[in-house]
Amino acid sequence: AAWNEGDLQKFMQTYWKSDKLVFVDKRGPNYDWNATLENYRKGYPDKKAMGKLDFKIFDISKIDRKTVFVIGRFELTRDIGDVAGHFTLVIQKFGKDWFIISDHSSAEG
């Protein structure tokens, strides 16, 4: 919902706010919550560029009682051109909250 509202700061609340957060894309791994936010800001500078995001979850596997592995597909619908691809996430529980600690997203094409 935060993405579709054009609110990257709120969207990033789902990610672990740590320098150990890793985001992997076609350029390779990038570390750090702040660096991930800045990369999103560069790639999606406004609501028009962000478009409407939809996820399809294929599998959620429990690694242990505090960690899950998610496989899915993202579809970004935009006036400037649609983008779609697949992702894997490692999500971990810290206290009462769950955060993405690793995101590997690859666009098609």
PDB file of N, CA and C in Angstrom:
ATOM      1  N   ALA A   1       0.833  -1.198   0.000  1.00  0.00           N
ATOM      2  CA  ALA A   1       0.000   0.000   0.000  1.00  0.00           C
ATOM      3  C   ALA A   1       0.874   1.257   0.000  1.00  0.00           C
ATOM      4  N   ALA A   2       1.952   1.252   0.793  1.00  0.00           N
ATOM      5  CA  ALA A   2       2.829   2.440   0.873  1.00  0.00           C
ATOM      6  C   ALA A   2       3.427   2.759  -0.495  1.00  0.00           C
ATOM      7  N   TRP A   3       3.850   1.735  -1.230  1.00  0.00           N
ATOM      8  CA  TRP A   3       4.414   1.958  -2.570  1.00  0.00           C
ATOM      9  C   TRP A   3       3.369   2.621  -3.463  1.00  0.00           C
ATOM     10  N   ASN A   4       2.174   2.086  -3.461  1.00  0.00           N
ATOM     11  CA  ASN A   4       1.125   2.598  -4.334  1.00  0.00           C
ATOM     12  C   ASN A   4       0.664   3.995  -3.933  1.00  0.00           C
ATOM     13  N   GLU A   5       0.948   4.393  -2.697  1.00  0.00           N
ATOM     14  CA  GLU A   5       0.685   5.760  -2.248  1.00  0.00           C
ATOM     15  C   GLU A   5       1.824   6.697  -2.632  1.00  0.00           C
ATOM     16  N   GLY A   6       2.914   6.147  -3.146  1.00  0.00           N
ATOM     17  CA  GLY A   6       4.077   6.952  -3.508  1.00  0.00           C
ATOM     18  C   GLY A   6       4.953   7.312  -2.326  1.00  0.00           C
ATOM     19  N   ASP A   7       4.872   6.530  -1.248  1.00  0.00           N
ATOM     20  CA  ASP A   7       5.582   6.828   0.000  1.00  0.00           C
ATOM     21  C   ASP A   7       6.730   5.836   0.220  1.00  0.00           C
ATOM     22  N   LEU A   8       7.906   6.166  -0.337  1.00  0.00           N
ATOM     23  CA  LEU A   8       9.063   5.275  -0.203  1.00  0.00           C
ATOM     24  C   LEU A   8       9.520   5.122   1.247  1.00  0.00           C
ATOM     25  N   GLN A   9       9.474   6.196   2.011  1.00  0.00           N
ATOM     26  CA  GLN A   9       9.897   6.138   3.417  1.00  0.00           C
ATOM     27  C   GLN A   9       9.055   5.114   4.186  1.00  0.00           C
ATOM     28  N   LYS A  10       7.757   5.143   3.973  1.00  0.00           N
ATOM     29  CA  LYS A  10       6.859   4.192   4.634  1.00  0.00           C
ATOM     30  C   LYS A  10       7.085   2.774   4.095  1.00  0.00           C
ATOM     31  N   PHE A  11       7.272   2.648   2.780  1.00  0.00           N
ATOM     32  CA  PHE A  11       7.548   1.355   2.169  1.00  0.00           C
ATOM     33  C   PHE A  11       8.791   0.715   2.783  1.00  0.00           C
ATOM     34  N   MET A  12       9.800   1.528   3.035  1.00  0.00           N
ATOM     35  CA  MET A  12      11.066   1.030   3.583  1.00  0.00           C
ATOM     36  C   MET A  12      10.952   0.567   5.038  1.00  0.00           C
ATOM     37  N   GLN A  13       9.848   0.849   5.705  1.00  0.00           N
ATOM     38  CA  GLN A  13       9.659   0.371   7.076  1.00  0.00           C
ATOM     39  C   GLN A  13       9.545  -1.141   7.141  1.00  0.00           C
ATOM     40  N   THR A  14       9.321  -1.787   5.992  1.00  0.00           N
ATOM     41  CA  THR A  14       9.267  -3.248   5.959  1.00  0.00           C
ATOM     42  C   THR A  14      10.665  -3.866   5.915  1.00  0.00           C
ATOM     43  N   TYR A  15      11.683  -3.041   5.675  1.00  0.00           N
ATOM     44  CA  TYR A  15      13.072  -3.502   5.616  1.00  0.00           C
ATOM     45  C   TYR A  15      13.774  -3.277   6.951  1.00  0.00           C
ATOM     46  N   TRP A  16      14.711  -4.163   7.258  1.00  0.00           N
ATOM     47  CA  TRP A  16      15.528  -4.081   8.465  1.00  0.00           C
ATOM     48  C   TRP A  16      16.397  -2.833   8.388  1.00  0.00           C
ATOM     49  N   LYS A  17      16.247  -1.952   9.333  1.00  0.00           N
ATOM     50  CA  LYS A  17      17.009  -0.701   9.330  1.00  0.00           C
ATOM     51  C   LYS A  17      18.394  -0.969   9.911  1.00  0.00           C
ATOM     52  N   SER A  18      19.251  -1.510   9.043  1.00  0.00           N
ATOM     53  CA  SER A  18      20.585  -1.945   9.451  1.00  0.00           C
ATOM     54  C   SER A  18      21.551  -1.794   8.283  1.00  0.00           C
ATOM     55  N   ASP A  19      22.823  -1.632   8.608  1.00  0.00           N
ATOM     56  CA  ASP A  19      23.834  -1.616   7.552  1.00  0.00           C
ATOM     57  C   ASP A  19      24.086  -3.025   7.016  1.00  0.00           C
ATOM     58  N   LYS A  20      23.473  -4.040   7.640  1.00  0.00           N
ATOM     59  CA  LYS A  20      23.616  -5.418   7.181  1.00  0.00           C
ATOM     60  C   LYS A  20      22.484  -5.845   6.246  1.00  0.00           C
ATOM     61  N   LEU A  21      21.471  -4.995   6.057  1.00  0.00           N
ATOM     62  CA  LEU A  21      20.434  -5.280   5.072  1.00  0.00           C
ATOM     63  C   LEU A  21      21.113  -5.450   3.717  1.00  0.00           C
ATOM     64  N   VAL A  22      20.691  -6.462   2.960  1.00  0.00           N
ATOM     65  CA  VAL A  22      21.267  -6.653   1.622  1.00  0.00           C
ATOM     66  C   VAL A  22      20.140  -6.666   0.593  1.00  0.00           C
ATOM     67  N   PHE A  23      20.347  -5.914  -0.478  1.00  0.00           N
ATOM     68  CA  PHE A  23      19.438  -5.882  -1.619  1.00  0.00           C
ATOM     69  C   PHE A  23      20.255  -6.262  -2.848  1.00  0.00           C
ATOM     70  N   VAL A  24      19.841  -7.321  -3.527  1.00  0.00           N
ATOM     71  CA  VAL A  24      20.572  -7.806  -4.694  1.00  0.00           C
ATOM     72  C   VAL A  24      19.713  -7.581  -5.935  1.00  0.00           C
ATOM     73  N   ASP A  25      20.309  -6.942  -6.937  1.00  0.00           N
ATOM     74  CA  ASP A  25      19.648  -6.768  -8.222  1.00  0.00           C
ATOM     75  C   ASP A  25      20.630  -7.137  -9.324  1.00  0.00           C
ATOM     76  N   LYS A  26      20.347  -6.749 -10.555  1.00  0.00           N
ATOM     77  CA  LYS A  26      21.209  -7.151 -11.672  1.00  0.00           C
ATOM     78  C   LYS A  26      22.623  -6.606 -11.553  1.00  0.00           C
ATOM     79  N   ARG A  27      22.821  -5.556 -10.750  1.00  0.00           N
ATOM     80  CA  ARG A  27      24.161  -4.980 -10.561  1.00  0.00           C
ATOM     81  C   ARG A  27      24.936  -5.683  -9.452  1.00  0.00           C
ATOM     82  N   GLY A  28      24.261  -6.552  -8.701  1.00  0.00           N
ATOM     83  CA  GLY A  28      24.915  -7.251  -7.608  1.00  0.00           C
ATOM     84  C   GLY A  28      24.381  -6.805  -6.259  1.00  0.00           C
ATOM     85  N   PRO A  29      25.053  -7.225  -5.179  1.00  0.00           N
ATOM     86  CA  PRO A  29      24.559  -6.895  -3.842  1.00  0.00           C
ATOM     87  C   PRO A  29      24.867  -5.456  -3.425  1.00  0.00           C
ATOM     88  N   ASN A  30      23.896  -4.865  -2.746  1.00  0.00           N
ATOM     89  CA  ASN A  30      24.051  -3.548  -2.131  1.00  0.00           C
ATOM     90  C   ASN A  30      23.661  -3.700  -0.672  1.00  0.00           C
ATOM     91  N   TYR A  31      24.453  -3.121   0.203  1.00  0.00           N
ATOM     92  CA  TYR A  31      24.213  -3.250   1.632  1.00  0.00           C
ATOM     93  C   TYR A  31      23.767  -1.921   2.223  1.00  0.00           C
ATOM     94  N   ASP A  32      23.007  -2.001   3.302  1.00  0.00           N
ATOM     95  CA  ASP A  32      22.634  -0.854   4.121  1.00  0.00           C
ATOM     96  C   ASP A  32      21.230  -0.356   3.778  1.00  0.00           C
ATOM     97  N   TRP A  33      20.465  -0.092   4.815  1.00  0.00           N
ATOM     98  CA  TRP A  33      19.102   0.411   4.679  1.00  0.00           C
ATOM     99  C   TRP A  33      19.088   1.755   3.968  1.00  0.00           C
ATOM    100  N   ASN A  34      19.948   2.676   4.371  1.00  0.00           N
ATOM    101  CA  ASN A  34      19.970   4.008   3.759  1.00  0.00           C
ATOM    102  C   ASN A  34      20.356   3.931   2.282  1.00  0.00           C
ATOM    103  N   ALA A  35      21.312   3.091   1.940  1.00  0.00           N
ATOM    104  CA  ALA A  35      21.714   2.930   0.540  1.00  0.00           C
ATOM    105  C   ALA A  35      20.563   2.348  -0.284  1.00  0.00           C
ATOM    106  N   THR A  36      19.818   1.419   0.309  1.00  0.00           N
ATOM    107  CA  THR A  36      18.667   0.830  -0.380  1.00  0.00           C
ATOM    108  C   THR A  36      17.606   1.892  -0.642  1.00  0.00           C
ATOM    109  N   LEU A  37      17.330   2.712   0.358  1.00  0.00           N
ATOM    110  CA  LEU A  37      16.367   3.808   0.184  1.00  0.00           C
ATOM    111  C   LEU A  37      16.822   4.756  -0.921  1.00  0.00           C
ATOM    112  N   GLU A  38      18.095   5.117  -0.933  1.00  0.00           N
ATOM    113  CA  GLU A  38      18.607   6.034  -1.958  1.00  0.00           C
ATOM    114  C   GLU A  38      18.516   5.419  -3.353  1.00  0.00           C
ATOM    115  N   ASN A  39      18.793   4.124  -3.459  1.00  0.00           N
ATOM    116  CA  ASN A  39      18.657   3.448  -4.755  1.00  0.00           C
ATOM    117  C   ASN A  39      17.207   3.459  -5.240  1.00  0.00           C
ATOM    118  N   TYR A  40      16.271   3.232  -4.315  1.00  0.00           N
ATOM    119  CA  TYR A  40      14.858   3.321  -4.681  1.00  0.00           C
ATOM    120  C   TYR A  40      14.518   4.741  -5.136  1.00  0.00           C
ATOM    121  N   ARG A  41      15.010   5.737  -4.417  1.00  0.00           N
ATOM    122  CA  ARG A  41      14.720   7.131  -4.784  1.00  0.00           C
ATOM    123  C   ARG A  41      15.260   7.481  -6.167  1.00  0.00           C
ATOM    124  N   LYS A  42      16.440   6.968  -6.502  1.00  0.00           N
ATOM    125  CA  LYS A  42      17.023   7.222  -7.829  1.00  0.00           C
ATOM    126  C   LYS A  42      16.215   6.536  -8.924  1.00  0.00           C
ATOM    127  N   GLY A  43      15.828   5.305  -8.696  1.00  0.00           N
ATOM    128  CA  GLY A  43      15.103   4.540  -9.693  1.00  0.00           C
ATOM    129  C   GLY A  43      13.637   4.918  -9.828  1.00  0.00           C
ATOM    130  N   TYR A  44      13.083   5.423  -8.735  1.00  0.00           N
ATOM    131  CA  TYR A  44      11.659   5.758  -8.690  1.00  0.00           C
ATOM    132  C   TYR A  44      11.494   7.134  -8.039  1.00  0.00           C
ATOM    133  N   PRO A  45      11.841   8.200  -8.771  1.00  0.00           N
ATOM    134  CA  PRO A  45      11.900   9.533  -8.180  1.00  0.00           C
ATOM    135  C   PRO A  45      10.547  10.173  -7.855  1.00  0.00           C
ATOM    136  N   ASP A  46       9.463   9.635  -8.423  1.00  0.00           N
ATOM    137  CA  ASP A  46       8.154  10.225  -8.143  1.00  0.00           C
ATOM    138  C   ASP A  46       7.072   9.147  -8.267  1.00  0.00           C
ATOM    139  N   LYS A  47       5.854   9.528  -7.930  1.00  0.00           N
ATOM    140  CA  LYS A  47       4.748   8.567  -7.931  1.00  0.00           C
ATOM    141  C   LYS A  47       4.494   8.010  -9.330  1.00  0.00           C
ATOM    142  N   LYS A  48       4.693   8.820 -10.356  1.00  0.00           N
ATOM    143  CA  LYS A  48       4.498   8.351 -11.735  1.00  0.00           C
ATOM    144  C   LYS A  48       5.478   7.224 -12.057  1.00  0.00           C
ATOM    145  N   ALA A  49       6.722   7.379 -11.659  1.00  0.00           N
ATOM    146  CA  ALA A  49       7.738   6.346 -11.886  1.00  0.00           C
ATOM    147  C   ALA A  49       7.459   5.102 -11.044  1.00  0.00           C
ATOM    148  N   MET A  50       6.863   5.302  -9.870  1.00  0.00           N
ATOM    149  CA  MET A  50       6.565   4.181  -8.979  1.00  0.00           C
ATOM    150  C   MET A  50       5.401   3.338  -9.489  1.00  0.00           C
ATOM    151  N   GLY A  51       4.404   3.973 -10.104  1.00  0.00           N
ATOM    152  CA  GLY A  51       3.274   3.240 -10.652  1.00  0.00           C
ATOM    153  C   GLY A  51       2.486   2.489  -9.603  1.00  0.00           C
ATOM    154  N   LYS A  52       1.870   1.404 -10.030  1.00  0.00           N
ATOM    155  CA  LYS A  52       1.088   0.552  -9.132  1.00  0.00           C
ATOM    156  C   LYS A  52       1.782  -0.797  -9.027  1.00  0.00           C
ATOM    157  N   LEU A  53       2.097  -1.189  -7.810  1.00  0.00           N
ATOM    158  CA  LEU A  53       2.831  -2.425  -7.551  1.00  0.00           C
ATOM    159  C   LEU A  53       1.886  -3.513  -7.071  1.00  0.00           C
ATOM    160  N   ASP A  54       2.058  -4.703  -7.632  1.00  0.00           N
ATOM    161  CA  ASP A  54       1.281  -5.862  -7.211  1.00  0.00           C
ATOM    162  C   ASP A  54       2.237  -7.032  -7.028  1.00  0.00           C
ATOM    163  N   PHE A  55       1.986  -7.834  -5.999  1.00  0.00           N
ATOM    164  CA  PHE A  55       2.812  -9.008  -5.720  1.00  0.00           C
ATOM    165  C   PHE A  55       1.998 -10.281  -5.873  1.00  0.00           C
ATOM    166  N   LYS A  56       2.656 -11.318  -6.320  1.00  0.00           N
ATOM    167  CA  LYS A  56       2.101 -12.666  -6.313  1.00  0.00           C
ATOM    168  C   LYS A  56       3.105 -13.519  -5.533  1.00  0.00           C
ATOM    169  N   ILE A  57       2.645 -14.129  -4.473  1.00  0.00           N
ATOM    170  CA  ILE A  57       3.507 -14.963  -3.636  1.00  0.00           C
ATOM    171  C   ILE A  57       3.366 -16.412  -4.095  1.00  0.00           C
ATOM    172  N   PHE A  58       4.487 -17.044  -4.447  1.00  0.00           N
ATOM    173  CA  PHE A  58       4.488 -18.442  -4.886  1.00  0.00           C
ATOM    174  C   PHE A  58       4.731 -19.405  -3.736  1.00  0.00           C
ATOM    175  N   ASP A  59       5.611 -19.012  -2.812  1.00  0.00           N
ATOM    176  CA  ASP A  59       5.965 -19.925  -1.726  1.00  0.00           C
ATOM    177  C   ASP A  59       6.490 -19.151  -0.530  1.00  0.00           C
ATOM    178  N   ILE A  60       6.101 -19.599   0.649  1.00  0.00           N
ATOM    179  CA  ILE A  60       6.670 -19.103   1.906  1.00  0.00           C
ATOM    180  C   ILE A  60       7.136 -20.329   2.675  1.00  0.00           C
ATOM    181  N   SER A  61       8.430 -20.384   2.949  1.00  0.00           N
ATOM    182  CA  SER A  61       9.006 -21.526   3.653  1.00  0.00           C
ATOM    183  C   SER A  61       9.608 -21.065   4.972  1.00  0.00           C
ATOM    184  N   LYS A  62       9.319 -21.805   6.008  1.00  0.00           N
ATOM    185  CA  LYS A  62       9.876 -21.507   7.321  1.00  0.00           C
ATOM    186  C   LYS A  62      11.298 -22.045   7.396  1.00  0.00           C
ATOM    187  N   ILE A  63      12.244 -21.167   7.703  1.00  0.00           N
ATOM    188  CA  ILE A  63      13.635 -21.588   7.891  1.00  0.00           C
ATOM    189  C   ILE A  63      13.839 -21.999   9.342  1.00  0.00           C
ATOM    190  N   ASP A  64      13.390 -21.158  10.245  1.00  0.00           N
ATOM    191  CA  ASP A  64      13.356 -21.463  11.671  1.00  0.00           C
ATOM    192  C   ASP A  64      12.220 -20.649  12.274  1.00  0.00           C
ATOM    193  N   ARG A  65      12.093 -20.628  13.597  1.00  0.00           N
ATOM    194  CA  ARG A  65      10.926 -19.968  14.196  1.00  0.00           C
ATOM    195  C   ARG A  65      10.930 -18.456  14.043  1.00  0.00           C
ATOM    196  N   LYS A  66      12.040 -17.878  13.623  1.00  0.00           N
ATOM    197  CA  LYS A  66      12.128 -16.428  13.449  1.00  0.00           C
ATOM    198  C   LYS A  66      12.487 -16.008  12.030  1.00  0.00           C
ATOM    199  N   THR A  67      12.519 -16.955  11.092  1.00  0.00           N
ATOM    200  CA  THR A  67      12.982 -16.631   9.745  1.00  0.00           C
ATOM    201  C   THR A  67      12.145 -17.372   8.702  1.00  0.00           C
ATOM    202  N   VAL A  68      11.721 -16.630   7.661  1.00  0.00           N
ATOM    203  CA  VAL A  68      11.017 -17.248   6.542  1.00  0.00           C
ATOM    204  C   VAL A  68      11.670 -16.832   5.230  1.00  0.00           C
ATOM    205  N   PHE A  69      11.483 -17.675   4.228  1.00  0.00           N
ATOM    206  CA  PHE A  69      11.990 -17.441   2.882  1.00  0.00           C
ATOM    207  C   PHE A  69      10.781 -17.332   1.954  1.00  0.00           C
ATOM    208  N   VAL A  70      10.726 -16.270   1.174  1.00  0.00           N
ATOM    209  CA  VAL A  70       9.570 -16.002   0.317  1.00  0.00           C
ATOM    210  C   VAL A  70      10.017 -15.935  -1.145  1.00  0.00           C
ATOM    211  N   ILE A  71       9.260 -16.579  -2.024  1.00  0.00           N
ATOM    212  CA  ILE A  71       9.485 -16.498  -3.467  1.00  0.00           C
ATOM    213  C   ILE A  71       8.227 -15.907  -4.089  1.00  0.00           C
ATOM    214  N   GLY A  72       8.421 -14.923  -4.961  1.00  0.00           N
ATOM    215  CA  GLY A  72       7.253 -14.316  -5.574  1.00  0.00           C
ATOM    216  C   GLY A  72       7.568 -13.584  -6.860  1.00  0.00           C
ATOM    217  N   ARG A  73       6.556 -12.892  -7.339  1.00  0.00           N
ATOM    218  CA  ARG A  73       6.639 -12.117  -8.564  1.00  0.00           C
ATOM    219  C   ARG A  73       6.119 -10.716  -8.270  1.00  0.00           C
ATOM    220  N   PHE A  74       6.772  -9.731  -8.862  1.00  0.00           N
ATOM    221  CA  PHE A  74       6.270  -8.361  -8.757  1.00  0.00           C
ATOM    222  C   PHE A  74       5.849  -7.887 -10.131  1.00  0.00           C
ATOM    223  N   GLU A  75       4.811  -7.069 -10.159  1.00  0.00           N
ATOM    224  CA  GLU A  75       4.330  -6.464 -11.398  1.00  0.00           C
ATOM    225  C   GLU A  75       4.082  -4.991 -11.117  1.00  0.00           C
ATOM    226  N   LEU A  76       4.784  -4.172 -11.842  1.00  0.00           N
ATOM    227  CA  LEU A  76       4.711  -2.724 -11.683  1.00  0.00           C
ATOM    228  C   LEU A  76       4.065  -2.155 -12.940  1.00  0.00           C
ATOM    229  N   THR A  77       2.876  -1.595 -12.792  1.00  0.00           N
ATOM    230  CA  THR A  77       2.127  -1.027 -13.911  1.00  0.00           C
ATOM    231  C   THR A  77       2.317   0.482 -13.900  1.00  0.00           C
ATOM    232  N   ARG A  78       2.843   1.015 -15.032  1.00  0.00           N
ATOM    233  CA  ARG A  78       3.142   2.451 -15.094  1.00  0.00           C
ATOM    234  C   ARG A  78       2.838   2.984 -16.492  1.00  0.00           C
ATOM    235  N   ASP A  79       2.494   4.264 -16.554  1.00  0.00           N
ATOM    236  CA  ASP A  79       2.295   4.930 -17.846  1.00  0.00           C
ATOM    237  C   ASP A  79       3.589   4.964 -18.653  1.00  0.00           C
ATOM    238  N   ILE A  80       4.723   5.004 -17.956  1.00  0.00           N
ATOM    239  CA  ILE A  80       6.021   5.114 -18.627  1.00  0.00           C
ATOM    240  C   ILE A  80       6.605   3.754 -19.010  1.00  0.00           C
ATOM    241  N   GLY A  81       5.838   2.689 -18.800  1.00  0.00           N
ATOM    242  CA  GLY A  81       6.293   1.348 -19.148  1.00  0.00           C
ATOM    243  C   GLY A  81       6.242   0.415 -17.949  1.00  0.00           C
ATOM    244  N   ASP A  82       5.658  -0.728 -18.162  1.00  0.00           N
ATOM    245  CA  ASP A  82       5.513  -1.704 -17.081  1.00  0.00           C
ATOM    246  C   ASP A  82       6.831  -2.441 -16.837  1.00  0.00           C
ATOM    247  N   VAL A  83       6.986  -2.911 -15.615  1.00  0.00           N
ATOM    248  CA  VAL A  83       8.144  -3.705 -15.222  1.00  0.00           C
ATOM    249  C   VAL A  83       7.627  -4.894 -14.416  1.00  0.00           C
ATOM    250  N   ALA A  84       8.196  -6.057 -14.660  1.00  0.00           N
ATOM    251  CA  ALA A  84       7.807  -7.247 -13.912  1.00  0.00           C
ATOM    252  C   ALA A  84       9.031  -8.125 -13.716  1.00  0.00           C
ATOM    253  N   GLY A  85       8.960  -8.984 -12.752  1.00  0.00           N
ATOM    254  CA  GLY A  85      10.054  -9.902 -12.492  1.00  0.00           C
ATOM    255  C   GLY A  85       9.782 -10.738 -11.258  1.00  0.00           C
ATOM    256  N   HIS A  86      10.829 -11.343 -10.757  1.00  0.00           N
ATOM    257  CA  HIS A  86      10.710 -12.232  -9.605  1.00  0.00           C
ATOM    258  C   HIS A  86      11.592 -11.747  -8.458  1.00  0.00           C
ATOM    259  N   PHE A  87      11.268 -12.231  -7.272  1.00  0.00           N
ATOM    260  CA  PHE A  87      12.026 -11.854  -6.086  1.00  0.00           C
ATOM    261  C   PHE A  87      12.087 -13.010  -5.100  1.00  0.00           C
ATOM    262  N   THR A  88      13.120 -12.976  -4.296  1.00  0.00           N
ATOM    263  CA  THR A  88      13.206 -13.823  -3.113  1.00  0.00           C
ATOM    264  C   THR A  88      13.507 -12.908  -1.940  1.00  0.00           C
ATOM    265  N   LEU A  89      12.881 -13.197  -0.823  1.00  0.00           N
ATOM    266  CA  LEU A  89      13.078 -12.414   0.398  1.00  0.00           C
ATOM    267  C   LEU A  89      13.427 -13.347   1.541  1.00  0.00           C
ATOM    268  N   VAL A  90      14.294 -12.878   2.424  1.00  0.00           N
ATOM    269  CA  VAL A  90      14.474 -13.506   3.717  1.00  0.00           C
ATOM    270  C   VAL A  90      13.905 -12.505   4.712  1.00  0.00           C
ATOM    271  N   ILE A  91      12.918 -12.955   5.466  1.00  0.00           N
ATOM    272  CA  ILE A  91      12.240 -12.095   6.430  1.00  0.00           C
ATOM    273  C   ILE A  91      12.471 -12.667   7.811  1.00  0.00           C
ATOM    274  N   GLN A  92      12.865 -11.804   8.735  1.00  0.00           N
ATOM    275  CA  GLN A  92      13.222 -12.260  10.074  1.00  0.00           C
ATOM    276  C   GLN A  92      12.460 -11.474  11.130  1.00  0.00           C
ATOM    277  N   LYS A  93      12.147 -12.150  12.223  1.00  0.00           N
ATOM    278  CA  LYS A  93      11.413 -11.536  13.325  1.00  0.00           C
ATOM    279  C   LYS A  93      12.390 -10.964  14.342  1.00  0.00           C
ATOM    280  N   PHE A  94      12.173  -9.701  14.677  1.00  0.00           N
ATOM    281  CA  PHE A  94      12.933  -9.015  15.725  1.00  0.00           C
ATOM    282  C   PHE A  94      11.909  -8.520  16.740  1.00  0.00           C
ATOM    283  N   GLY A  95      11.902  -9.125  17.926  1.00  0.00           N
ATOM    284  CA  GLY A  95      10.878  -8.778  18.902  1.00  0.00           C
ATOM    285  C   GLY A  95       9.519  -9.212  18.369  1.00  0.00           C
ATOM    286  N   LYS A  96       8.587  -8.276  18.242  1.00  0.00           N
ATOM    287  CA  LYS A  96       7.249  -8.573  17.733  1.00  0.00           C
ATOM    288  C   LYS A  96       7.104  -8.316  16.239  1.00  0.00           C
ATOM    289  N   ASP A  97       8.105  -7.706  15.626  1.00  0.00           N
ATOM    290  CA  ASP A  97       7.999  -7.260  14.240  1.00  0.00           C
ATOM    291  C   ASP A  97       8.844  -8.092  13.284  1.00  0.00           C
ATOM    292  N   TRP A  98       8.368  -8.192  12.035  1.00  0.00           N
ATOM    293  CA  TRP A  98       9.057  -8.906  10.970  1.00  0.00           C
ATOM    294  C   TRP A  98       9.640  -7.897   9.990  1.00  0.00           C
ATOM    295  N   PHE A  99      10.882  -8.140   9.544  1.00  0.00           N
ATOM    296  CA  PHE A  99      11.559  -7.238   8.618  1.00  0.00           C
ATOM    297  C   PHE A  99      12.260  -8.030   7.517  1.00  0.00           C
ATOM    298  N   ILE A 100      12.296  -7.454   6.328  1.00  0.00           N
ATOM    299  CA  ILE A 100      13.063  -8.031   5.229  1.00  0.00           C
ATOM    300  C   ILE A 100      14.553  -7.776   5.536  1.00  0.00           C
ATOM    301  N   ILE A 101      15.343  -8.846   5.592  1.00  0.00           N
ATOM    302  CA  ILE A 101      16.778  -8.685   5.826  1.00  0.00           C
ATOM    303  C   ILE A 101      17.577  -8.912   4.543  1.00  0.00           C
ATOM    304  N   SER A 102      16.942  -9.565   3.557  1.00  0.00           N
ATOM    305  CA  SER A 102      17.587  -9.810   2.272  1.00  0.00           C
ATOM    306  C   SER A 102      16.521  -9.810   1.190  1.00  0.00           C
ATOM    307  N   ASP A 103      16.760  -9.048   0.129  1.00  0.00           N
ATOM    308  CA  ASP A 103      15.836  -8.933  -1.000  1.00  0.00           C
ATOM    309  C   ASP A 103      16.644  -9.124  -2.268  1.00  0.00           C
ATOM    310  N   HIS A 104      16.279 -10.112  -3.047  1.00  0.00           N
ATOM    311  CA  HIS A 104      16.899 -10.323  -4.369  1.00  0.00           C
ATOM    312  C   HIS A 104      15.781 -10.171  -5.395  1.00  0.00           C
ATOM    313  N   SER A 105      15.789  -9.077  -6.114  1.00  0.00           N
ATOM    314  CA  SER A 105      14.759  -8.785  -7.110  1.00  0.00           C
ATOM    315  C   SER A 105      15.394  -8.632  -8.482  1.00  0.00           C
ATOM    316  N   SER A 106      14.807  -9.300  -9.470  1.00  0.00           N
ATOM    317  CA  SER A 106      15.327  -9.236 -10.830  1.00  0.00           C
ATOM    318  C   SER A 106      14.186  -8.973 -11.803  1.00  0.00           C
ATOM    319  N   ALA A 107      14.314  -7.896 -12.550  1.00  0.00           N
ATOM    320  CA  ALA A 107      13.305  -7.568 -13.564  1.00  0.00           C
ATOM    321  C   ALA A 107      13.536  -8.417 -14.807  1.00  0.00           C
ATOM    322  N   GLU A 108      12.470  -8.708 -15.518  1.00  0.00           N
ATOM    323  CA  GLU A 108      12.559  -9.470 -16.757  1.00  0.00           C
ATOM    324  C   GLU A 108      13.089  -8.581 -17.867  1.00  0.00           C
ATOM    325  N   GLY A 109      13.763  -9.209 -18.798  1.00  0.00           N
ATOM    326  CA  GLY A 109      14.218  -8.479 -19.988  1.00  0.00           C
ATOM    327  C   GLY A 109      15.488  -7.839 -19.758  1.00  0.00           C
TER     328      GLY A 109
END
